[in-house]
Amino acid sequence: MSVKVLNGKRFAQMVIQGANHLSNNAKTVDALNVFPVPDGDTGTNMNLSITSGAKEVKGNVSEHIGKVGSALAKGLLMGARGNSGVILSQLFRGFSKHIEAKETITSKDFAQALEAGVQTAYKAVMKPVEGTILTVAKDAAKKAVAVAKNEEDIIVLMEETLKEANASLKRTPDLLPVLKEVGVVDSGGQGLVYIYEGFLAELKGQRIEDIVPTTTMNELVNAEHHKSVHSAINTEDIEFGYCTEFMVKFEEDKVKANPFTEENFRNDLSEYGDSLLVIADEEIVKVHIHAEQPGDVLTYAQKYGSLINMKIENMREQHSNLLFEEDAYPAPKPEVNKKREKFGIITVAMGEGIAELFKSIGAKAVIEGGQTMNPSTEDILKAIDEVNADNVIILPNNSNIIMAAKQAAEVAEQNVAVVESKTVPQGMAAILAFNPTGELADNEATMKEALGSVKTGQITFAVRDTNIDGVEIQKDDFMGIADGKIVLTNKDKKSAAKELLTSMMDEDSEILTVIYGEDVSEEDVEELVSDLEESYPDVEVEVHNGKQPLYSFIFSIE
């Protein structure tokens, strides 16, 4: 079997298989996130991005491969989320541009298109970092070009391309020290390998579902949750109260002592609850179950390996809150800004309190997002239209959103400037420097300068054991992060906060803003503020309830 000419319909199926395979393995990619903060979302971002591209392809299937490529590029562009998603969109943007005039392509065309995608992606990144998805794409494309000189069979070409992508992925820790320090390969590169595996499976006439089920765990979980309408049951009627999701990474010694079969594993777990879903391959088993004693479930599962990506939610509490909110707070209709303004500022924030804070100091639109939930290019474009202004300024407040914001700015019809704020305090400092009577270029320069006037501190928890920059970190420790760098850990949340502020405050500090999250009580805040006022009597302390998830405290020091 060989494929010497590739048309649009076959390429469309390759894209769909690649998207399915990444979707099936998105959580595995998330688990490769280097830093132990609870926002490892590379797999999620890449999955949402390629899924958007595949959706556009499904709606524009054609024999003409150039047209299918254009649909893929458009879908990826609009759905791109996070740096990994934007880079992925640029890889296939360059790929699709190279083949846009062709009805069919040969192995040489395919290899050259991969190379064109790499060139486009490198240009899109201001400071390309080797040891990332860029390196994996570059090495794979270089191999493809070399093979295509003497090989007409696209299947053989894709086999060699994938082989080199895997080899390059294994080399990423040698290029990026932090990967070697933590002991993982690059997450974005792994995501790209999954896509290429899907491409090759389609070319060979294989189905990814023969290896991994096509239905993702998320889809199955949603199906289970929606078998009954939540408002049709009483909270007290929920028999198994904890929605429990986790993965088990098989360990050779444990499996040897306790031989694993998916059927027996599923039957044993069924004794602990209902809504059970089990998906296994050679390396990992994914589990979703509603259980009354989730600890017992986890203890049983540990017989086969180590637990990763655990999530346990109290469904009784969720159900009560949902019923109350639906009854007392019906969903508001989105506001429409009918009057055309000279300026509109868009900012990104997680947490109802932080969103309100940004609106109070001048933001016209706040996109819900940040850690674990990066908005797509399309989300940002919608916000640009909604503010209804001639000049728009975007404050991403997260380094993983900047590329998507810039991509939206390039596509938008309005004049759009992206002020590259990487934290909420930087975004606040920038918006306070805004001059409504000034010009766009002047405001952009002034707001960018304001980013350097503030220091950012954050307290969050570790999702796994690791060692970063000499800091020994244990799972569930509270970590202190100063301007993006993990500098300390502590078992106690308040102690971590005090220690972090001690390391960051100096004689030039005049204003300290404390934004506390949804896991912090008012008593904890009052105690912390009291200590701060005693330790720093000359510093003005402001306190806001940000209601943000994941980050117990966000500190702004000016």
Protein backbone atom coordinates (compact mmCIF):
# COMPACT_ATOMS: atom_id res chain seq x y z
CA MET A 1 0.00 0.00 0.00
CA SER A 2 1.31 3.43 -0.91
CA VAL A 3 0.02 6.98 -1.29
CA LYS A 4 1.81 9.06 -3.91
CA VAL A 5 -0.81 11.79 -4.32
CA LEU A 6 -2.81 13.34 -1.48
CA ASN A 7 -6.16 15.02 -2.13
CA GLY A 8 -8.36 17.19 0.05
CA LYS A 9 -10.71 14.48 1.31
CA ARG A 10 -7.86 12.26 2.48
CA PHE A 11 -6.09 15.19 4.12
CA ALA A 12 -9.33 16.18 5.89
CA GLN A 13 -9.49 12.70 7.43
CA MET A 14 -5.85 13.02 8.50
CA VAL A 15 -6.68 16.26 10.32
CA ILE A 16 -9.72 14.72 12.00
CA GLN A 17 -7.74 11.68 13.15
CA GLY A 18 -4.92 13.87 14.40
CA ALA A 19 -7.39 16.00 16.37
CA ASN A 20 -9.09 12.90 17.82
CA HIS A 21 -5.80 11.39 18.92
CA LEU A 22 -4.66 14.58 20.65
CA SER A 23 -8.07 14.90 22.29
CA ASN A 24 -7.77 11.38 23.69
CA ASN A 25 -4.39 12.26 25.17
CA ALA A 26 -4.88 15.91 26.19
CA LYS A 27 -4.69 15.13 29.93
CA THR A 28 -1.44 13.27 29.43
CA VAL A 29 -0.01 16.37 27.73
CA ASP A 30 -1.35 18.56 30.56
CA ALA A 31 0.47 16.32 33.05
CA LEU A 32 3.80 17.17 31.38
CA ASN A 33 3.53 20.80 32.47
CA VAL A 34 6.92 21.69 33.96
CA PHE A 35 5.90 23.90 36.85
CA PRO A 36 3.86 22.33 39.68
CA VAL A 37 1.28 25.13 39.69
CA PRO A 38 -2.35 24.07 39.10
CA ASP A 39 -2.57 25.55 35.60
CA GLY A 40 -0.88 22.98 33.36
CA ASP A 41 -3.10 23.37 30.33
CA THR A 42 -0.92 22.81 27.25
CA GLY A 43 -2.89 19.72 26.25
CA THR A 44 -6.19 21.46 26.83
CA ASN A 45 -5.15 24.48 24.76
CA MET A 46 -3.77 22.43 21.88
CA ASN A 47 -6.82 20.18 21.93
CA LEU A 48 -9.27 23.09 21.78
CA SER A 49 -7.21 24.71 19.03
CA ILE A 50 -6.93 21.66 16.74
CA THR A 51 -10.56 20.72 17.45
CA SER A 52 -11.58 24.15 16.15
CA GLY A 53 -9.51 23.52 13.04
CA ALA A 54 -11.00 20.05 12.53
CA LYS A 55 -14.52 21.43 12.93
CA GLU A 56 -13.88 23.96 10.16
CA VAL A 57 -12.43 21.20 7.98
CA LYS A 58 -15.49 18.98 8.50
CA GLY A 59 -17.67 21.82 7.21
CA ASN A 60 -15.51 22.41 4.14
CA VAL A 61 -14.46 18.97 2.86
CA SER A 62 -13.31 19.17 -0.74
CA GLU A 63 -11.24 17.20 -3.24
CA HIS A 64 -9.09 20.37 -3.52
CA ILE A 65 -6.46 20.06 -0.80
CA GLY A 66 -5.67 23.76 -0.90
CA LYS A 67 -9.25 24.59 0.10
CA VAL A 68 -9.17 22.07 2.94
CA GLY A 69 -5.86 23.55 4.11
CA SER A 70 -7.36 27.04 4.12
CA ALA A 71 -10.30 25.81 6.22
CA LEU A 72 -7.88 24.21 8.69
CA ALA A 73 -5.86 27.43 8.97
CA LYS A 74 -9.01 29.51 9.53
CA GLY A 75 -10.38 27.18 12.20
CA LEU A 76 -7.06 27.00 14.01
CA LEU A 77 -6.63 30.76 13.87
CA MET A 78 -9.99 31.44 15.50
CA GLY A 79 -9.72 28.64 18.05
CA ALA A 80 -6.08 29.15 19.06
CA ARG A 81 -5.59 29.31 22.84
CA GLY A 82 -2.41 29.76 24.80
CA ASN A 83 1.09 29.91 23.37
CA SER A 84 1.02 26.24 22.36
CA GLY A 85 -2.27 26.67 20.50
CA VAL A 86 -1.10 29.80 18.71
CA ILE A 87 2.16 28.14 17.65
CA LEU A 88 0.17 25.14 16.39
CA SER A 89 -2.06 27.48 14.39
CA GLN A 90 1.01 29.15 12.87
CA LEU A 91 2.55 25.80 11.92
CA PHE A 92 -0.51 24.88 9.90
CA ARG A 93 -1.04 28.42 8.67
CA GLY A 94 2.33 28.24 6.90
CA PHE A 95 1.61 24.67 5.80
CA SER A 96 -1.75 25.62 4.32
CA LYS A 97 -0.43 28.76 2.64
CA HIS A 98 2.14 26.64 0.80
CA ILE A 99 -0.50 24.30 -0.65
CA GLU A 100 -3.42 26.73 -1.11
CA ALA A 101 -3.25 26.73 -4.94
CA LYS A 102 -2.86 22.95 -5.30
CA GLU A 103 -5.64 20.43 -5.94
CA THR A 104 -3.41 17.53 -4.84
CA ILE A 105 0.10 17.31 -3.40
CA THR A 106 3.06 14.94 -3.65
CA SER A 107 5.51 13.84 -0.96
CA LYS A 108 7.80 16.76 -1.87
CA ASP A 109 4.89 19.21 -1.60
CA PHE A 110 3.96 17.77 1.79
CA ALA A 111 7.52 18.03 3.11
CA GLN A 112 7.93 21.58 1.80
CA ALA A 113 4.62 22.55 3.39
CA LEU A 114 5.83 21.26 6.75
CA GLU A 115 8.99 23.35 6.32
CA ALA A 116 6.91 26.43 5.39
CA GLY A 117 4.87 25.93 8.55
CA VAL A 118 8.00 25.90 10.68
CA GLN A 119 9.25 29.12 9.10
CA THR A 120 5.89 30.82 9.74
CA ALA A 121 5.78 29.65 13.37
CA TYR A 122 9.34 30.81 14.13
CA LYS A 123 8.53 34.26 12.72
CA ALA A 124 5.45 34.48 14.93
CA VAL A 125 7.46 33.97 18.12
CA MET A 126 9.51 36.98 19.15
CA LYS A 127 12.10 34.95 21.08
CA PRO A 128 11.91 31.31 19.94
CA VAL A 129 12.99 28.83 22.62
CA GLU A 130 14.61 25.56 21.56
CA GLY A 131 13.52 22.39 23.30
CA THR A 132 9.85 23.17 22.67
CA ILE A 133 7.18 22.35 20.08
CA LEU A 134 9.09 24.60 17.67
CA THR A 135 12.15 22.37 17.81
CA VAL A 136 10.12 19.19 17.36
CA ALA A 137 8.34 20.69 14.34
CA LYS A 138 11.61 21.97 12.86
CA ASP A 139 13.48 18.68 13.22
CA ALA A 140 10.57 16.68 11.82
CA ALA A 141 10.18 19.01 8.83
CA LYS A 142 13.92 18.91 8.08
CA LYS A 143 13.78 15.11 8.05
CA ALA A 144 10.73 15.19 5.79
CA VAL A 145 12.46 17.42 3.23
CA ALA A 146 15.49 15.11 3.19
CA VAL A 147 13.38 11.95 2.78
CA ALA A 148 11.16 13.49 0.08
CA LYS A 149 14.15 13.94 -2.24
CA ASN A 150 14.13 10.19 -2.96
CA GLU A 151 10.77 8.98 -1.63
CA GLU A 152 7.43 9.39 -3.42
CA ASP A 153 5.33 7.44 -0.95
CA ILE A 154 3.69 9.86 1.50
CA ILE A 155 3.14 7.02 3.99
CA VAL A 156 6.88 6.34 4.18
CA LEU A 157 7.49 10.09 4.39
CA MET A 158 5.06 10.43 7.33
CA GLU A 159 6.61 7.41 9.08
CA GLU A 160 10.06 8.98 8.91
CA THR A 161 8.69 12.39 9.90
CA LEU A 162 6.98 10.91 12.96
CA LYS A 163 10.07 8.90 13.87
CA GLU A 164 12.17 12.09 13.86
CA ALA A 165 9.49 14.01 15.78
CA ASN A 166 9.64 11.38 18.52
CA ALA A 167 13.45 11.46 18.54
CA SER A 168 13.42 15.26 18.74
CA LEU A 169 10.87 15.12 21.57
CA LYS A 170 13.19 12.84 23.56
CA ARG A 171 16.01 15.37 23.04
CA THR A 172 14.02 18.36 24.39
CA PRO A 173 15.32 17.93 27.98
CA ASP A 174 18.88 18.32 26.65
CA LEU A 175 17.96 21.67 25.11
CA LEU A 176 15.79 23.09 27.88
CA PRO A 177 17.39 22.60 31.34
CA VAL A 178 14.14 23.01 33.25
CA LEU A 179 12.72 19.95 31.46
CA LYS A 180 15.71 17.87 32.50
CA GLU A 181 15.50 19.22 36.04
CA VAL A 182 11.90 18.05 36.37
CA GLY A 183 12.35 14.90 34.28
CA VAL A 184 9.79 15.44 31.51
CA VAL A 185 9.74 16.07 27.76
CA ASP A 186 8.19 19.21 26.28
CA SER A 187 4.40 19.13 26.53
CA GLY A 188 3.77 21.06 23.29
CA GLY A 189 6.12 18.79 21.38
CA GLN A 190 4.30 15.74 22.76
CA GLY A 191 1.00 17.24 21.57
CA LEU A 192 2.38 17.66 18.05
CA VAL A 193 3.59 14.04 18.05
CA TYR A 194 0.05 12.89 18.87
CA ILE A 195 -1.28 14.85 15.90
CA TYR A 196 1.33 13.35 13.58
CA GLU A 197 0.47 9.86 14.90
CA GLY A 198 -3.13 10.52 13.86
CA PHE A 199 -1.97 11.65 10.41
CA LEU A 200 -0.01 8.44 9.88
CA ALA A 201 -2.83 6.19 11.13
CA GLU A 202 -5.18 7.69 8.54
CA LEU A 203 -2.65 7.31 5.73
CA LYS A 204 -2.25 3.64 6.62
CA GLY A 205 -5.98 3.09 6.70
CA GLN A 206 -5.96 2.54 10.45
CA ARG A 207 -8.28 4.06 13.01
CA ILE A 208 -7.04 5.69 16.17
CA GLU A 209 -9.98 4.11 17.99
CA ASP A 210 -8.32 0.75 17.41
CA ILE A 211 -5.62 1.95 19.81
CA VAL A 212 -7.38 4.50 22.02
CA PRO A 213 -11.18 5.08 22.23
CA THR A 214 -12.27 8.08 20.13
CA THR A 215 -14.65 9.36 22.80
CA THR A 216 -12.69 11.44 25.26
CA MET A 217 -13.07 11.05 28.99
CA ASN A 218 -14.53 14.58 29.16
CA GLU A 219 -17.26 13.70 26.65
CA LEU A 220 -18.11 10.51 28.52
CA VAL A 221 -18.18 12.35 31.83
CA ASN A 222 -20.50 15.01 30.40
CA ALA A 223 -22.77 12.30 29.06
CA GLU A 224 -22.98 10.68 32.50
CA HIS A 225 -23.64 13.98 34.24
CA HIS A 226 -26.47 14.88 31.87
CA LYS A 227 -28.39 11.61 31.97
CA SER A 228 -30.67 13.34 34.46
CA VAL A 229 -31.50 17.00 34.71
CA HIS A 230 -30.05 18.42 37.92
CA SER A 231 -33.17 20.41 38.74
CA ALA A 232 -35.31 17.26 38.59
CA ILE A 233 -33.67 15.64 41.62
CA ASN A 234 -33.28 16.60 45.26
CA THR A 235 -29.86 17.17 46.73
CA GLU A 236 -30.49 14.65 49.50
CA ASP A 237 -31.28 11.98 46.88
CA ILE A 238 -27.69 11.97 45.57
CA GLU A 239 -26.45 8.57 46.78
CA PHE A 240 -22.79 8.91 45.81
CA GLY A 241 -21.72 12.45 46.58
CA TYR A 242 -18.23 12.87 45.16
CA CYS A 243 -17.43 13.15 41.47
CA THR A 244 -13.99 11.55 41.31
CA GLU A 245 -11.68 11.67 38.29
CA PHE A 246 -8.09 10.49 38.11
CA MET A 247 -5.54 8.62 36.05
CA VAL A 248 -3.26 5.75 37.05
CA LYS A 249 0.15 5.56 35.43
CA PHE A 250 1.05 1.88 35.46
CA GLU A 251 4.19 0.84 37.37
CA GLU A 252 5.87 -2.39 36.32
CA ASP A 253 6.42 -3.81 39.80
CA LYS A 254 2.86 -3.11 40.92
CA VAL A 255 1.28 -4.56 37.78
CA LYS A 256 3.48 -7.62 38.13
CA ALA A 257 2.18 -8.14 41.66
CA ASN A 258 -1.41 -7.23 40.66
CA PRO A 259 -2.00 -8.15 36.99
CA PHE A 260 -4.25 -5.56 35.36
CA THR A 261 -7.24 -6.31 33.16
CA GLU A 262 -9.64 -3.53 32.27
CA GLU A 263 -12.67 -5.76 32.85
CA ASN A 264 -11.66 -6.80 36.37
CA PHE A 265 -10.59 -3.26 37.24
CA ARG A 266 -13.98 -1.92 36.11
CA ASN A 267 -15.90 -4.62 37.98
CA ASP A 268 -13.97 -3.98 41.20
CA LEU A 269 -14.50 -0.21 41.02
CA SER A 270 -18.22 -0.64 40.36
CA GLU A 271 -18.58 -1.69 44.00
CA TYR A 272 -17.62 1.82 45.14
CA GLY A 273 -20.21 3.90 43.28
CA ASP A 274 -21.96 4.63 39.99
CA SER A 275 -21.46 6.60 36.74
CA LEU A 276 -18.27 4.60 36.29
CA LEU A 277 -16.09 5.14 33.23
CA VAL A 278 -12.80 3.34 32.63
CA ILE A 279 -10.52 3.89 29.61
CA ALA A 280 -7.17 2.10 29.50
CA ASP A 281 -4.20 1.69 27.20
CA GLU A 282 -0.76 0.17 27.70
CA GLU A 283 0.51 2.96 29.97
CA ILE A 284 -2.42 4.67 31.66
CA VAL A 285 -5.97 4.00 32.84
CA LYS A 286 -8.42 6.93 33.12
CA VAL A 287 -11.25 6.74 35.64
CA HIS A 288 -14.42 8.67 36.35
CA ILE A 289 -16.75 7.55 39.15
CA HIS A 290 -19.34 8.97 41.53
CA ALA A 291 -18.35 7.56 44.92
CA GLU A 292 -19.25 8.13 48.55
CA GLN A 293 -15.75 7.23 49.76
CA PRO A 294 -13.36 8.51 47.06
CA GLY A 295 -10.35 7.73 49.24
CA ASP A 296 -11.16 4.03 49.06
CA VAL A 297 -11.29 4.24 45.25
CA LEU A 298 -7.88 5.91 45.09
CA THR A 299 -6.36 3.42 47.52
CA TYR A 300 -7.58 0.52 45.39
CA ALA A 301 -6.31 2.11 42.15
CA GLN A 302 -2.84 2.63 43.63
CA LYS A 303 -2.35 -1.14 43.52
CA TYR A 304 -1.53 -0.70 39.82
CA GLY A 305 0.59 2.44 39.75
CA SER A 306 0.88 6.12 40.63
CA LEU A 307 -2.06 8.52 40.70
CA ILE A 308 -2.02 11.61 38.47
CA ASN A 309 -4.51 14.32 37.42
CA MET A 310 -6.83 13.80 40.38
CA LYS A 311 -10.03 15.84 40.76
CA ILE A 312 -12.70 15.32 43.43
CA GLU A 313 -15.82 17.51 43.62
CA ASN A 314 -18.64 17.52 46.16
CA MET A 315 -21.74 17.11 43.97
CA ARG A 316 -24.22 17.74 46.77
CA GLU A 317 -22.72 21.17 47.40
CA GLN A 318 -22.54 21.88 43.66
CA HIS A 319 -26.14 20.83 43.21
CA SER A 320 -27.42 23.02 46.06
CA ASN A 321 -25.51 26.03 44.78
CA LEU A 322 -26.69 25.46 41.23
CA LEU A 323 -30.34 25.27 42.21
CA PHE A 324 -30.03 28.42 44.34
CA GLU A 325 -28.23 30.37 41.63
CA GLU A 326 -30.68 29.35 38.91
CA ASP A 327 -33.59 30.45 41.05
CA ALA A 328 -32.14 33.64 42.55
CA TYR A 329 -29.76 34.77 39.84
CA PRO A 330 -31.01 34.07 36.32
CA ALA A 331 -28.31 34.52 33.68
CA PRO A 332 -28.06 38.20 32.72
CA LYS A 333 -28.28 39.26 29.12
CA PRO A 334 -24.99 40.54 27.72
CA GLU A 335 -24.67 44.29 27.68
CA VAL A 336 -24.34 45.98 24.32
CA ASN A 337 -22.29 49.16 24.12
CA LYS A 338 -24.23 51.08 21.45
CA LYS A 339 -22.28 54.34 21.55
CA ARG A 340 -19.04 54.29 19.57
CA GLU A 341 -16.16 55.21 21.86
CA LYS A 342 -12.70 56.52 21.07
CA PHE A 343 -11.08 53.91 23.35
CA GLY A 344 -12.02 50.54 24.71
CA ILE A 345 -9.85 48.59 27.16
CA ILE A 346 -10.16 44.80 27.28
CA THR A 347 -8.62 42.79 30.07
CA VAL A 348 -8.55 39.10 31.01
CA ALA A 349 -9.29 37.94 34.55
CA MET A 350 -10.33 34.93 36.60
CA GLY A 351 -12.51 35.66 39.59
CA GLU A 352 -15.65 37.74 39.87
CA GLY A 353 -14.02 40.18 42.29
CA ILE A 354 -11.01 40.80 40.03
CA ALA A 355 -13.34 41.36 37.07
CA GLU A 356 -15.31 43.97 39.01
CA LEU A 357 -12.07 45.60 40.13
CA PHE A 358 -10.90 46.00 36.55
CA LYS A 359 -14.28 47.42 35.49
CA SER A 360 -14.16 49.92 38.34
CA ILE A 361 -10.86 51.36 37.09
CA GLY A 362 -11.80 51.63 33.42
CA ALA A 363 -12.00 48.28 31.62
CA LYS A 364 -14.85 48.20 29.10
CA ALA A 365 -14.78 44.41 28.76
CA VAL A 366 -13.38 41.63 30.93
CA ILE A 367 -12.83 38.25 29.31
CA GLU A 368 -13.19 35.43 31.80
CA GLY A 369 -10.00 33.44 31.69
CA GLY A 370 -6.41 33.12 32.81
CA GLN A 371 -4.84 30.07 34.43
CA THR A 372 -6.36 26.79 33.15
CA MET A 373 -8.74 28.71 30.89
CA ASN A 374 -6.95 30.70 28.21
CA PRO A 375 -9.36 32.59 25.90
CA SER A 376 -9.15 31.83 22.19
CA THR A 377 -8.37 34.27 19.39
CA GLU A 378 -12.08 34.22 18.58
CA ASP A 379 -13.03 35.07 22.18
CA ILE A 380 -10.75 38.10 22.06
CA LEU A 381 -12.07 39.18 18.65
CA LYS A 382 -15.64 39.06 20.00
CA ALA A 383 -14.62 41.28 22.91
CA ILE A 384 -12.97 43.73 20.49
CA ASP A 385 -16.26 44.04 18.61
CA GLU A 386 -18.33 44.31 21.81
CA VAL A 387 -16.44 47.30 23.23
CA ASN A 388 -17.46 49.21 20.08
CA ALA A 389 -14.43 51.51 19.98
CA ASP A 390 -12.15 52.90 17.29
CA ASN A 391 -9.05 52.11 19.33
CA VAL A 392 -8.77 49.03 21.52
CA ILE A 393 -6.14 48.17 24.13
CA ILE A 394 -5.81 44.56 25.32
CA LEU A 395 -4.29 43.59 28.67
CA PRO A 396 -3.76 39.78 28.67
CA ASN A 397 -2.51 39.58 32.30
CA ASN A 398 -0.99 36.18 31.55
CA SER A 399 2.07 35.29 29.47
CA ASN A 400 0.18 32.38 27.90
CA ILE A 401 -2.48 34.70 26.45
CA ILE A 402 -0.22 37.31 24.84
CA MET A 403 0.24 35.44 21.54
CA ALA A 404 -3.50 34.87 21.10
CA ALA A 405 -4.12 38.56 21.85
CA LYS A 406 -1.57 39.60 19.23
CA GLN A 407 -3.08 37.22 16.71
CA ALA A 408 -6.51 38.76 17.35
CA ALA A 409 -5.04 42.24 16.96
CA GLU A 410 -3.68 41.34 13.52
CA VAL A 411 -7.05 40.06 12.33
CA ALA A 412 -9.24 42.80 13.85
CA GLU A 413 -10.51 45.70 11.73
CA GLN A 414 -10.08 48.20 14.59
CA ASN A 415 -6.83 49.76 15.72
CA VAL A 416 -5.66 47.36 18.42
CA ALA A 417 -2.65 47.55 20.73
CA VAL A 418 -1.58 44.71 23.01
CA VAL A 419 0.09 45.85 26.23
CA GLU A 420 1.90 42.69 27.33
CA SER A 421 0.85 42.49 30.98
CA LYS A 422 1.70 39.09 32.46
CA THR A 423 -0.06 39.40 35.81
CA VAL A 424 -3.17 40.99 37.29
CA PRO A 425 -1.12 43.64 39.18
CA GLN A 426 0.66 44.59 35.95
CA GLY A 427 -2.71 44.92 34.23
CA MET A 428 -3.98 47.14 37.02
CA ALA A 429 -0.88 49.35 36.87
CA ALA A 430 -1.23 49.69 33.10
CA ILE A 431 -4.90 50.61 33.16
CA LEU A 432 -4.30 53.26 35.83
CA ALA A 433 -1.70 54.83 33.53
CA PHE A 434 -4.22 55.14 30.67
CA ASN A 435 -5.03 58.64 29.42
CA PRO A 436 -8.48 58.82 27.75
CA THR A 437 -7.57 62.08 25.94
CA GLY A 438 -4.31 60.73 24.53
CA GLU A 439 -3.57 58.88 21.30
CA LEU A 440 -3.31 55.11 20.94
CA ALA A 441 0.47 55.03 20.38
CA ASP A 442 1.12 57.32 23.35
CA ASN A 443 -1.12 55.26 25.64
CA GLU A 444 0.50 52.05 24.50
CA ALA A 445 3.96 53.40 25.36
CA THR A 446 2.86 54.82 28.73
CA MET A 447 1.01 51.66 29.76
CA LYS A 448 3.92 49.42 28.79
CA GLU A 449 6.22 51.57 30.91
CA ALA A 450 3.82 51.19 33.84
CA LEU A 451 4.27 47.40 33.78
CA GLY A 452 7.70 47.83 35.34
CA SER A 453 6.40 49.92 38.22
CA VAL A 454 4.81 47.02 40.07
CA LYS A 455 6.01 43.75 41.62
CA THR A 456 3.74 40.70 41.63
CA GLY A 457 3.52 38.04 44.33
CA GLN A 458 1.31 34.96 44.20
CA ILE A 459 0.45 32.12 46.56
CA THR A 460 -0.83 28.87 45.09
CA PHE A 461 -0.51 25.13 45.77
CA ALA A 462 1.69 22.47 44.20
CA VAL A 463 0.03 19.72 42.18
CA ARG A 464 3.02 17.35 42.41
CA ASP A 465 6.43 16.80 43.97
CA THR A 466 9.37 18.36 42.12
CA ASN A 467 12.46 20.53 42.44
CA ILE A 468 12.63 23.88 40.64
CA ASP A 469 15.60 26.25 40.83
CA GLY A 470 16.82 24.52 43.98
CA VAL A 471 13.44 24.80 45.72
CA GLU A 472 12.25 21.40 46.96
CA ILE A 473 8.49 21.22 46.43
CA GLN A 474 6.05 18.64 47.74
CA LYS A 475 2.53 18.08 46.49
CA ASP A 476 -0.08 20.30 48.22
CA ASP A 477 2.60 22.66 49.58
CA PHE A 478 1.79 26.34 49.26
CA MET A 479 4.27 28.07 46.96
CA GLY A 480 5.36 31.69 46.93
CA ILE A 481 5.91 33.06 43.42
CA ALA A 482 7.72 36.39 42.99
CA ASP A 483 7.40 37.91 39.50
CA GLY A 484 6.94 34.49 37.93
CA LYS A 485 9.65 32.62 39.84
CA ILE A 486 8.93 30.05 42.56
CA VAL A 487 10.97 31.21 45.54
CA LEU A 488 9.57 29.31 48.54
CA THR A 489 7.22 26.64 49.82
CA ASN A 490 5.39 26.19 53.09
CA LYS A 491 2.82 23.78 54.46
CA ASP A 492 0.80 26.72 55.78
CA LYS A 493 -0.93 29.20 53.47
CA LYS A 494 -0.64 32.28 55.72
CA SER A 495 2.98 31.53 56.61
CA ALA A 496 3.81 31.25 52.90
CA ALA A 497 2.14 34.62 52.28
CA LYS A 498 4.04 36.36 55.08
CA GLU A 499 7.35 34.82 54.01
CA LEU A 500 6.83 35.85 50.40
CA LEU A 501 6.00 39.44 51.31
CA THR A 502 9.02 39.64 53.60
CA SER A 503 11.22 38.69 50.66
CA MET A 504 9.59 41.20 48.29
CA MET A 505 8.99 44.32 50.41
CA ASP A 506 11.76 46.92 50.62
CA GLU A 507 12.27 50.53 51.69
CA ASP A 508 10.82 51.81 48.40
CA SER A 509 7.53 49.95 48.84
CA GLU A 510 4.66 52.40 49.33
CA ILE A 511 1.45 50.59 48.39
CA LEU A 512 0.58 46.92 48.94
CA THR A 513 -2.59 45.55 47.36
CA VAL A 514 -3.85 42.20 48.65
CA ILE A 515 -6.27 40.29 46.42
CA TYR A 516 -7.49 37.15 48.15
CA GLY A 517 -9.04 34.09 46.52
CA GLU A 518 -12.07 31.90 47.04
CA ASP A 519 -10.22 29.54 49.41
CA VAL A 520 -9.30 32.31 51.87
CA SER A 521 -11.54 33.30 54.81
CA GLU A 522 -12.08 36.88 55.95
CA GLU A 523 -10.50 35.93 59.30
CA ASP A 524 -7.33 34.84 57.52
CA VAL A 525 -7.23 38.13 55.61
CA GLU A 526 -7.79 40.23 58.72
CA GLU A 527 -4.99 38.42 60.53
CA LEU A 528 -2.61 38.85 57.59
CA VAL A 529 -3.43 42.55 57.17
CA SER A 530 -3.00 43.17 60.89
CA ASP A 531 0.48 41.63 60.76
CA LEU A 532 1.36 43.64 57.64
CA GLU A 533 0.28 46.95 59.15
CA GLU A 534 2.37 46.20 62.22
CA SER A 535 5.43 45.13 60.18
CA TYR A 536 5.15 47.89 57.56
CA PRO A 537 3.54 50.91 59.24
CA ASP A 538 4.52 53.28 56.41
CA VAL A 539 3.00 51.15 53.67
CA GLU A 540 -0.60 51.70 52.55
CA VAL A 541 -2.44 48.38 52.46
CA GLU A 542 -5.48 47.86 50.20
CA VAL A 543 -7.56 44.67 50.32
CA HIS A 544 -9.90 43.23 47.67
CA ASN A 545 -11.86 40.00 47.51
CA GLY A 546 -10.87 38.75 44.06
CA LYS A 547 -12.79 35.44 44.41
CA GLN A 548 -10.19 33.89 42.10
CA PRO A 549 -9.65 30.12 42.00
CA LEU A 550 -6.26 28.41 42.36
CA TYR A 551 -4.36 31.43 43.70
CA SER A 552 -5.00 32.09 47.39
CA PHE A 553 -3.32 35.48 47.30
CA ILE A 554 -2.19 37.88 44.61
CA PHE A 555 -0.01 40.73 45.87
CA SER A 556 0.74 43.98 44.08
CA ILE A 557 3.65 45.99 45.47
CA GLU A 558 4.35 49.54 44.28
